[in-house]
């Protein structure tokens, strides 16, 4: 899959390389960083997690030019992801 490609995850369409904000109402009080945007890097629908596997990264900032990556199930991504945010630092 290449950047600028669209993928369907749990019935929703997402753009690879696009940064997404958390969906309204998503709350993870134990981990504030989950409330910052994530850029969708890849999606493997055949992976044996619920609705495949997503790889995403926290949006780079001046303080963190090489942000950590996260892996989550497609189901978790679709529940977490809200609307795209700007160009996401691309």
PDB file of N, CA and C in Angstrom:
ATOM      1  N   UNK A   1       0.847  -1.177   0.000  1.00  0.00           N
ATOM      2  CA  UNK A   1       0.000   0.000   0.000  1.00  0.00           C
ATOM      3  C   UNK A   1       0.885   1.230   0.000  1.00  0.00           C
ATOM      4  N   UNK A   2       0.467   2.230  -0.733  1.00  0.00           N
ATOM      5  CA  UNK A   2       1.279   3.439  -0.819  1.00  0.00           C
ATOM      6  C   UNK A   2       0.565   4.611  -0.177  1.00  0.00           C
ATOM      7  N   UNK A   3       1.374   5.637   0.163  1.00  0.00           N
ATOM      8  CA  UNK A   3       0.809   6.844   0.739  1.00  0.00           C
ATOM      9  C   UNK A   3      -0.186   7.432  -0.256  1.00  0.00           C
ATOM     10  N   UNK A   4      -1.179   8.113   0.207  1.00  0.00           N
ATOM     11  CA  UNK A   4      -2.260   8.715  -0.575  1.00  0.00           C
ATOM     12  C   UNK A   4      -3.274   7.690  -1.072  1.00  0.00           C
ATOM     13  N   UNK A   5      -3.099   6.434  -0.705  1.00  0.00           N
ATOM     14  CA  UNK A   5      -4.066   5.403  -1.029  1.00  0.00           C
ATOM     15  C   UNK A   5      -5.146   5.402   0.043  1.00  0.00           C
ATOM     16  N   UNK A   6      -6.349   5.055  -0.342  1.00  0.00           N
ATOM     17  CA  UNK A   6      -7.434   4.932   0.626  1.00  0.00           C
ATOM     18  C   UNK A   6      -7.642   3.467   0.967  1.00  0.00           C
ATOM     19  N   UNK A   7      -7.963   3.227   2.232  1.00  0.00           N
ATOM     20  CA  UNK A   7      -8.244   1.871   2.701  1.00  0.00           C
ATOM     21  C   UNK A   7      -9.561   1.903   3.469  1.00  0.00           C
ATOM     22  N   UNK A   8     -10.256   0.784   3.473  1.00  0.00           N
ATOM     23  CA  UNK A   8     -11.495   0.669   4.236  1.00  0.00           C
ATOM     24  C   UNK A   8     -11.225  -0.211   5.450  1.00  0.00           C
ATOM     25  N   UNK A   9     -11.467   0.380   6.627  1.00  0.00           N
ATOM     26  CA  UNK A   9     -11.231  -0.311   7.892  1.00  0.00           C
ATOM     27  C   UNK A   9     -12.532  -0.286   8.675  1.00  0.00           C
ATOM     28  N   UNK A  10     -13.057  -1.445   8.974  1.00  0.00           N
ATOM     29  CA  UNK A  10     -14.330  -1.557   9.710  1.00  0.00           C
ATOM     30  C   UNK A  10     -15.431  -0.729   9.065  1.00  0.00           C
ATOM     31  N   UNK A  11     -15.471  -0.733   7.741  1.00  0.00           N
ATOM     32  CA  UNK A  11     -16.527  -0.039   7.014  1.00  0.00           C
ATOM     33  C   UNK A  11     -16.317   1.461   6.831  1.00  0.00           C
ATOM     34  N   UNK A  12     -15.185   2.000   7.313  1.00  0.00           N
ATOM     35  CA  UNK A  12     -14.883   3.423   7.149  1.00  0.00           C
ATOM     36  C   UNK A  12     -13.689   3.590   6.224  1.00  0.00           C
ATOM     37  N   UNK A  13     -13.688   4.656   5.441  1.00  0.00           N
ATOM     38  CA  UNK A  13     -12.593   4.917   4.512  1.00  0.00           C
ATOM     39  C   UNK A  13     -11.598   5.872   5.163  1.00  0.00           C
ATOM     40  N   UNK A  14     -10.309   5.504   5.085  1.00  0.00           N
ATOM     41  CA  UNK A  14      -9.223   6.304   5.647  1.00  0.00           C
ATOM     42  C   UNK A  14      -8.138   6.466   4.598  1.00  0.00           C
ATOM     43  N   UNK A  15      -7.415   7.571   4.669  1.00  0.00           N
ATOM     44  CA  UNK A  15      -6.296   7.805   3.769  1.00  0.00           C
ATOM     45  C   UNK A  15      -4.979   7.461   4.428  1.00  0.00           C
ATOM     46  N   UNK A  16      -4.156   6.667   3.748  1.00  0.00           N
ATOM     47  CA  UNK A  16      -2.821   6.389   4.263  1.00  0.00           C
ATOM     48  C   UNK A  16      -2.005   7.675   4.212  1.00  0.00           C
ATOM     49  N   UNK A  17      -1.221   7.927   5.240  1.00  0.00           N
ATOM     50  CA  UNK A  17      -0.420   9.141   5.315  1.00  0.00           C
ATOM     51  C   UNK A  17      -1.162  10.322   5.895  1.00  0.00           C
ATOM     52  N   UNK A  18      -2.435  10.144   6.206  1.00  0.00           N
ATOM     53  CA  UNK A  18      -3.262  11.226   6.749  1.00  0.00           C
ATOM     54  C   UNK A  18      -3.277  11.136   8.270  1.00  0.00           C
ATOM     55  N   UNK A  19      -3.217  12.292   8.930  1.00  0.00           N
ATOM     56  CA  UNK A  19      -3.295  12.335  10.388  1.00  0.00           C
ATOM     57  C   UNK A  19      -4.753  12.490  10.804  1.00  0.00           C
ATOM     58  N   UNK A  20      -5.140  11.771  11.835  1.00  0.00           N
ATOM     59  CA  UNK A  20      -6.511  11.802  12.351  1.00  0.00           C
ATOM     60  C   UNK A  20      -6.498  12.190  13.820  1.00  0.00           C
ATOM     61  N   UNK A  21      -7.476  12.996  14.197  1.00  0.00           N
ATOM     62  CA  UNK A  21      -7.674  13.349  15.602  1.00  0.00           C
ATOM     63  C   UNK A  21      -8.501  12.251  16.252  1.00  0.00           C
ATOM     64  N   UNK A  22      -8.435  12.148  17.572  1.00  0.00           N
ATOM     65  CA  UNK A  22      -9.307  11.176  18.245  1.00  0.00           C
ATOM     66  C   UNK A  22     -10.774  11.538  18.011  1.00  0.00           C
ATOM     67  N   UNK A  23     -11.606  10.530  17.911  1.00  0.00           N
ATOM     68  CA  UNK A  23     -13.042  10.764  17.741  1.00  0.00           C
ATOM     69  C   UNK A  23     -13.597  11.472  18.977  1.00  0.00           C
ATOM     70  N   UNK A  24     -14.620  12.313  18.798  1.00  0.00           N
ATOM     71  CA  UNK A  24     -15.246  12.947  19.967  1.00  0.00           C
ATOM     72  C   UNK A  24     -15.701  11.888  20.964  1.00  0.00           C
ATOM     73  N   UNK A  25     -15.443  12.160  22.215  1.00  0.00           N
ATOM     74  CA  UNK A  25     -15.860  11.230  23.258  1.00  0.00           C
ATOM     75  C   UNK A  25     -14.833  10.172  23.604  1.00  0.00           C
ATOM     76  N   UNK A  26     -13.758  10.066  22.813  1.00  0.00           N
ATOM     77  CA  UNK A  26     -12.709   9.089  23.131  1.00  0.00           C
ATOM     78  C   UNK A  26     -11.927   9.616  24.318  1.00  0.00           C
ATOM     79  N   UNK A  27     -11.841   8.829  25.358  1.00  0.00           N
ATOM     80  CA  UNK A  27     -11.129   9.241  26.566  1.00  0.00           C
ATOM     81  C   UNK A  27     -10.274   8.093  27.075  1.00  0.00           C
ATOM     82  N   UNK A  28      -9.010   8.367  27.263  1.00  0.00           N
ATOM     83  CA  UNK A  28      -8.076   7.419  27.843  1.00  0.00           C
ATOM     84  C   UNK A  28      -7.332   8.148  28.953  1.00  0.00           C
ATOM     85  N   UNK A  29      -7.945   8.328  30.123  1.00  0.00           N
ATOM     86  CA  UNK A  29      -7.312   9.126  31.171  1.00  0.00           C
ATOM     87  C   UNK A  29      -5.962   8.604  31.627  1.00  0.00           C
ATOM     88  N   UNK A  30      -5.722   7.318  31.471  1.00  0.00           N
ATOM     89  CA  UNK A  30      -4.454   6.768  31.937  1.00  0.00           C
ATOM     90  C   UNK A  30      -3.299   7.080  30.989  1.00  0.00           C
ATOM     91  N   UNK A  31      -3.603   7.536  29.783  1.00  0.00           N
ATOM     92  CA  UNK A  31      -2.548   7.794  28.818  1.00  0.00           C
ATOM     93  C   UNK A  31      -2.935   8.989  27.947  1.00  0.00           C
ATOM     94  N   UNK A  32      -2.561  10.193  28.392  1.00  0.00           N
ATOM     95  CA  UNK A  32      -2.928  11.419  27.681  1.00  0.00           C
ATOM     96  C   UNK A  32      -2.463  11.433  26.237  1.00  0.00           C
ATOM     97  N   UNK A  33      -1.323  10.785  25.921  1.00  0.00           N
ATOM     98  CA  UNK A  33      -0.818  10.871  24.553  1.00  0.00           C
ATOM     99  C   UNK A  33      -1.776  10.247  23.542  1.00  0.00           C
ATOM    100  N   UNK A  34      -2.684   9.431  24.002  1.00  0.00           N
ATOM    101  CA  UNK A  34      -3.660   8.850  23.078  1.00  0.00           C
ATOM    102  C   UNK A  34      -4.655   9.889  22.575  1.00  0.00           C
ATOM    103  N   UNK A  35      -4.603  11.077  23.143  1.00  0.00           N
ATOM    104  CA  UNK A  35      -5.526  12.134  22.733  1.00  0.00           C
ATOM    105  C   UNK A  35      -4.910  13.049  21.688  1.00  0.00           C
ATOM    106  N   UNK A  36      -3.706  12.753  21.222  1.00  0.00           N
ATOM    107  CA  UNK A  36      -3.075  13.553  20.180  1.00  0.00           C
ATOM    108  C   UNK A  36      -3.256  12.842  18.843  1.00  0.00           C
ATOM    109  N   UNK A  37      -3.147  13.587  17.736  1.00  0.00           N
ATOM    110  CA  UNK A  37      -3.362  12.972  16.419  1.00  0.00           C
ATOM    111  C   UNK A  37      -2.376  11.848  16.110  1.00  0.00           C
ATOM    112  N   UNK A  38      -2.856  10.917  15.310  1.00  0.00           N
ATOM    113  CA  UNK A  38      -2.040   9.825  14.793  1.00  0.00           C
ATOM    114  C   UNK A  38      -2.125   9.832  13.275  1.00  0.00           C
ATOM    115  N   UNK A  39      -0.996   9.565  12.613  1.00  0.00           N
ATOM    116  CA  UNK A  39      -0.966   9.442  11.154  1.00  0.00           C
ATOM    117  C   UNK A  39      -1.040   7.967  10.800  1.00  0.00           C
ATOM    118  N   UNK A  40      -1.966   7.622   9.931  1.00  0.00           N
ATOM    119  CA  UNK A  40      -2.141   6.239   9.482  1.00  0.00           C
ATOM    120  C   UNK A  40      -1.034   5.895   8.499  1.00  0.00           C
ATOM    121  N   UNK A  41      -0.214   4.911   8.842  1.00  0.00           N
ATOM    122  CA  UNK A  41       0.916   4.526   7.996  1.00  0.00           C
ATOM    123  C   UNK A  41       0.617   3.319   7.125  1.00  0.00           C
ATOM    124  N   UNK A  42      -0.012   2.308   7.706  1.00  0.00           N
ATOM    125  CA  UNK A  42      -0.289   1.102   6.929  1.00  0.00           C
ATOM    126  C   UNK A  42      -1.460   0.343   7.524  1.00  0.00           C
ATOM    127  N   UNK A  43      -2.008  -0.544   6.698  1.00  0.00           N
ATOM    128  CA  UNK A  43      -3.130  -1.380   7.122  1.00  0.00           C
ATOM    129  C   UNK A  43      -2.977  -2.739   6.482  1.00  0.00           C
ATOM    130  N   UNK A  44      -3.057  -3.782   7.289  1.00  0.00           N
ATOM    131  CA  UNK A  44      -2.993  -5.161   6.809  1.00  0.00           C
ATOM    132  C   UNK A  44      -4.312  -5.848   7.161  1.00  0.00           C
ATOM    133  N   UNK A  45      -5.242  -5.934   6.207  1.00  0.00           N
ATOM    134  CA  UNK A  45      -6.549  -6.518   6.502  1.00  0.00           C
ATOM    135  C   UNK A  45      -6.488  -8.019   6.775  1.00  0.00           C
ATOM    136  N   UNK A  46      -5.412  -8.693   6.361  1.00  0.00           N
ATOM    137  CA  UNK A  46      -5.303 -10.138   6.555  1.00  0.00           C
ATOM    138  C   UNK A  46      -4.706 -10.506   7.912  1.00  0.00           C
ATOM    139  N   UNK A  47      -4.208  -9.548   8.644  1.00  0.00           N
ATOM    140  CA  UNK A  47      -3.602  -9.836   9.945  1.00  0.00           C
ATOM    141  C   UNK A  47      -4.677 -10.400  10.878  1.00  0.00           C
ATOM    142  N   UNK A  48      -4.341 -11.353  11.741  1.00  0.00           N
ATOM    143  CA  UNK A  48      -5.369 -12.030  12.536  1.00  0.00           C
ATOM    144  C   UNK A  48      -5.896 -11.278  13.762  1.00  0.00           C
ATOM    145  N   UNK A  49      -5.801  -9.974  13.791  1.00  0.00           N
ATOM    146  CA  UNK A  49      -6.444  -9.176  14.839  1.00  0.00           C
ATOM    147  C   UNK A  49      -7.826  -8.786  14.347  1.00  0.00           C
ATOM    148  N   UNK A  50      -8.724  -8.356  15.233  1.00  0.00           N
ATOM    149  CA  UNK A  50     -10.070  -7.954  14.779  1.00  0.00           C
ATOM    150  C   UNK A  50      -9.995  -6.851  13.714  1.00  0.00           C
ATOM    151  N   UNK A  51     -10.439  -7.166  12.529  1.00  0.00           N
ATOM    152  CA  UNK A  51     -10.452  -6.262  11.366  1.00  0.00           C
ATOM    153  C   UNK A  51      -9.050  -5.869  10.923  1.00  0.00           C
ATOM    154  N   UNK A  52      -8.059  -6.750  11.101  1.00  0.00           N
ATOM    155  CA  UNK A  52      -6.711  -6.503  10.602  1.00  0.00           C
ATOM    156  C   UNK A  52      -5.852  -5.701  11.559  1.00  0.00           C
ATOM    157  N   UNK A  53      -4.688  -5.247  11.043  1.00  0.00           N
ATOM    158  CA  UNK A  53      -3.748  -4.489  11.877  1.00  0.00           C
ATOM    159  C   UNK A  53      -3.415  -3.154  11.234  1.00  0.00           C
ATOM    160  N   UNK A  54      -3.420  -2.113  12.051  1.00  0.00           N
ATOM    161  CA  UNK A  54      -3.081  -0.749  11.648  1.00  0.00           C
ATOM    162  C   UNK A  54      -1.739  -0.388  12.271  1.00  0.00           C
ATOM    163  N   UNK A  55      -0.920   0.309  11.517  1.00  0.00           N
ATOM    164  CA  UNK A  55       0.279   0.921  12.078  1.00  0.00           C
ATOM    165  C   UNK A  55       0.133   2.419  11.884  1.00  0.00           C
ATOM    166  N   UNK A  56       0.349   3.163  12.964  1.00  0.00           N
ATOM    167  CA  UNK A  56       0.212   4.617  12.945  1.00  0.00           C
ATOM    168  C   UNK A  56       1.352   5.223  13.748  1.00  0.00           C
ATOM    169  N   UNK A  57       1.573   6.522  13.558  1.00  0.00           N
ATOM    170  CA  UNK A  57       2.586   7.198  14.353  1.00  0.00           C
ATOM    171  C   UNK A  57       2.004   8.493  14.895  1.00  0.00           C
ATOM    172  N   UNK A  58       2.526   8.900  16.054  1.00  0.00           N
ATOM    173  CA  UNK A  58       2.141  10.194  16.595  1.00  0.00           C
ATOM    174  C   UNK A  58       2.663  11.261  15.644  1.00  0.00           C
ATOM    175  N   UNK A  59       1.938  12.347  15.477  1.00  0.00           N
ATOM    176  CA  UNK A  59       2.336  13.402  14.560  1.00  0.00           C
ATOM    177  C   UNK A  59       3.619  14.045  15.088  1.00  0.00           C
ATOM    178  N   UNK A  60       4.643  14.178  14.216  1.00  0.00           N
ATOM    179  CA  UNK A  60       5.905  14.771  14.658  1.00  0.00           C
ATOM    180  C   UNK A  60       5.714  16.204  15.150  1.00  0.00           C
ATOM    181  N   UNK A  61       6.573  16.594  16.085  1.00  0.00           N
ATOM    182  CA  UNK A  61       6.571  17.968  16.590  1.00  0.00           C
ATOM    183  C   UNK A  61       8.024  18.423  16.692  1.00  0.00           C
ATOM    184  N   UNK A  62       8.220  19.691  17.007  1.00  0.00           N
ATOM    185  CA  UNK A  62       9.579  20.210  17.167  1.00  0.00           C
ATOM    186  C   UNK A  62      10.307  19.460  18.282  1.00  0.00           C
ATOM    187  N   UNK A  63       9.566  19.072  19.323  1.00  0.00           N
ATOM    188  CA  UNK A  63      10.158  18.350  20.444  1.00  0.00           C
ATOM    189  C   UNK A  63      10.410  16.875  20.132  1.00  0.00           C
ATOM    190  N   UNK A  64       9.688  16.347  19.163  1.00  0.00           N
ATOM    191  CA  UNK A  64       9.771  14.923  18.872  1.00  0.00           C
ATOM    192  C   UNK A  64       9.714  14.705  17.356  1.00  0.00           C
ATOM    193  N   UNK A  65      10.833  14.987  16.641  1.00  0.00           N
ATOM    194  CA  UNK A  65      10.803  14.865  15.180  1.00  0.00           C
ATOM    195  C   UNK A  65      10.680  13.429  14.676  1.00  0.00           C
ATOM    196  N   UNK A  66      10.983  12.429  15.518  1.00  0.00           N
ATOM    197  CA  UNK A  66      10.838  11.013  15.151  1.00  0.00           C
ATOM    198  C   UNK A  66       9.896  10.356  16.136  1.00  0.00           C
ATOM    199  N   UNK A  67       8.617  10.543  15.932  1.00  0.00           N
ATOM    200  CA  UNK A  67       7.635  10.066  16.914  1.00  0.00           C
ATOM    201  C   UNK A  67       7.531   8.545  16.954  1.00  0.00           C
ATOM    202  N   UNK A  68       7.109   8.021  18.102  1.00  0.00           N
ATOM    203  CA  UNK A  68       6.923   6.569  18.203  1.00  0.00           C
ATOM    204  C   UNK A  68       5.727   6.098  17.372  1.00  0.00           C
ATOM    205  N   UNK A  69       5.751   4.839  17.055  1.00  0.00           N
ATOM    206  CA  UNK A  69       4.654   4.230  16.291  1.00  0.00           C
ATOM    207  C   UNK A  69       3.782   3.404  17.217  1.00  0.00           C
ATOM    208  N   UNK A  70       2.556   3.201  16.768  1.00  0.00           N
ATOM    209  CA  UNK A  70       1.597   2.359  17.492  1.00  0.00           C
ATOM    210  C   UNK A  70       1.046   1.330  16.530  1.00  0.00           C
ATOM    211  N   UNK A  71       0.765   0.171  17.058  1.00  0.00           N
ATOM    212  CA  UNK A  71       0.056  -0.860  16.292  1.00  0.00           C
ATOM    213  C   UNK A  71      -1.224  -1.162  17.045  1.00  0.00           C
ATOM    214  N   UNK A  72      -2.311  -1.284  16.299  1.00  0.00           N
ATOM    215  CA  UNK A  72      -3.592  -1.601  16.922  1.00  0.00           C
ATOM    216  C   UNK A  72      -4.450  -2.341  15.916  1.00  0.00           C
ATOM    217  N   UNK A  73      -5.485  -2.966  16.427  1.00  0.00           N
ATOM    218  CA  UNK A  73      -6.395  -3.676  15.521  1.00  0.00           C
ATOM    219  C   UNK A  73      -7.164  -2.663  14.685  1.00  0.00           C
ATOM    220  N   UNK A  74      -7.643  -3.122  13.545  1.00  0.00           N
ATOM    221  CA  UNK A  74      -8.473  -2.263  12.711  1.00  0.00           C
ATOM    222  C   UNK A  74      -9.724  -1.809  13.445  1.00  0.00           C
ATOM    223  N   UNK A  75     -10.287  -2.697  14.257  1.00  0.00           N
ATOM    224  CA  UNK A  75     -11.476  -2.346  15.034  1.00  0.00           C
ATOM    225  C   UNK A  75     -11.170  -1.199  16.002  1.00  0.00           C
ATOM    226  N   UNK A  76     -10.022  -1.292  16.698  1.00  0.00           N
ATOM    227  CA  UNK A  76      -9.638  -0.235  17.643  1.00  0.00           C
ATOM    228  C   UNK A  76      -9.379   1.081  16.916  1.00  0.00           C
ATOM    229  N   UNK A  77      -8.711   1.021  15.749  1.00  0.00           N
ATOM    230  CA  UNK A  77      -8.440   2.237  14.978  1.00  0.00           C
ATOM    231  C   UNK A  77      -9.748   2.918  14.573  1.00  0.00           C
ATOM    232  N   UNK A  78     -10.676   2.147  14.029  1.00  0.00           N
ATOM    233  CA  UNK A  78     -11.940   2.725  13.561  1.00  0.00           C
ATOM    234  C   UNK A  78     -12.716   3.353  14.712  1.00  0.00           C
ATOM    235  N   UNK A  79     -12.617   2.791  15.911  1.00  0.00           N
ATOM    236  CA  UNK A  79     -13.290   3.381  17.075  1.00  0.00           C
ATOM    237  C   UNK A  79     -12.566   4.631  17.559  1.00  0.00           C
ATOM    238  N   UNK A  80     -11.238   4.648  17.442  1.00  0.00           N
ATOM    239  CA  UNK A  80     -10.437   5.777  17.930  1.00  0.00           C
ATOM    240  C   UNK A  80     -10.462   6.967  16.970  1.00  0.00           C
ATOM    241  N   UNK A  81     -10.334   6.714  15.671  1.00  0.00           N
ATOM    242  CA  UNK A  81     -10.103   7.779  14.694  1.00  0.00           C
ATOM    243  C   UNK A  81     -11.340   8.641  14.455  1.00  0.00           C
ATOM    244  N   UNK A  82     -11.110   9.935  14.522  1.00  0.00           N
ATOM    245  CA  UNK A  82     -12.154  10.902  14.198  1.00  0.00           C
ATOM    246  C   UNK A  82     -11.896  11.469  12.809  1.00  0.00           C
ATOM    247  N   UNK A  83     -11.933  12.782  12.700  1.00  0.00           N
ATOM    248  CA  UNK A  83     -11.752  13.458  11.425  1.00  0.00           C
ATOM    249  C   UNK A  83     -10.265  13.706  11.130  1.00  0.00           C
ATOM    250  N   UNK A  84      -9.916  13.819   9.835  1.00  0.00           N
ATOM    251  CA  UNK A  84      -8.538  14.182   9.476  1.00  0.00           C
ATOM    252  C   UNK A  84      -8.207  15.570  10.026  1.00  0.00           C
ATOM    253  N   UNK A  85      -6.933  15.777  10.335  1.00  0.00           N
ATOM    254  CA  UNK A  85      -6.484  17.077  10.836  1.00  0.00           C
ATOM    255  C   UNK A  85      -5.429  17.653   9.914  1.00  0.00           C
ATOM    256  N   UNK A  86      -5.758  18.732   9.234  1.00  0.00           N
ATOM    257  CA  UNK A  86      -4.808  19.429   8.372  1.00  0.00           C
ATOM    258  C   UNK A  86      -4.008  18.486   7.514  1.00  0.00           C
ATOM    259  N   UNK A  87      -2.727  18.810   7.347  1.00  0.00           N
ATOM    260  CA  UNK A  87      -1.856  17.922   6.578  1.00  0.00           C
ATOM    261  C   UNK A  87      -1.086  16.994   7.500  1.00  0.00           C
ATOM    262  N   UNK A  88      -1.302  17.126   8.820  1.00  0.00           N
ATOM    263  CA  UNK A  88      -0.662  16.239   9.775  1.00  0.00           C
ATOM    264  C   UNK A  88       0.838  16.325   9.784  1.00  0.00           C
ATOM    265  N   UNK A  89       1.377  17.483   9.368  1.00  0.00           N
ATOM    266  CA  UNK A  89       2.818  17.640   9.372  1.00  0.00           C
ATOM    267  C   UNK A  89       3.499  16.991   8.197  1.00  0.00           C
ATOM    268  N   UNK A  90       2.711  16.612   7.211  1.00  0.00           N
ATOM    269  CA  UNK A  90       3.258  15.948   6.029  1.00  0.00           C
ATOM    270  C   UNK A  90       3.967  16.917   5.141  1.00  0.00           C
TER     271      UNK A  90
END
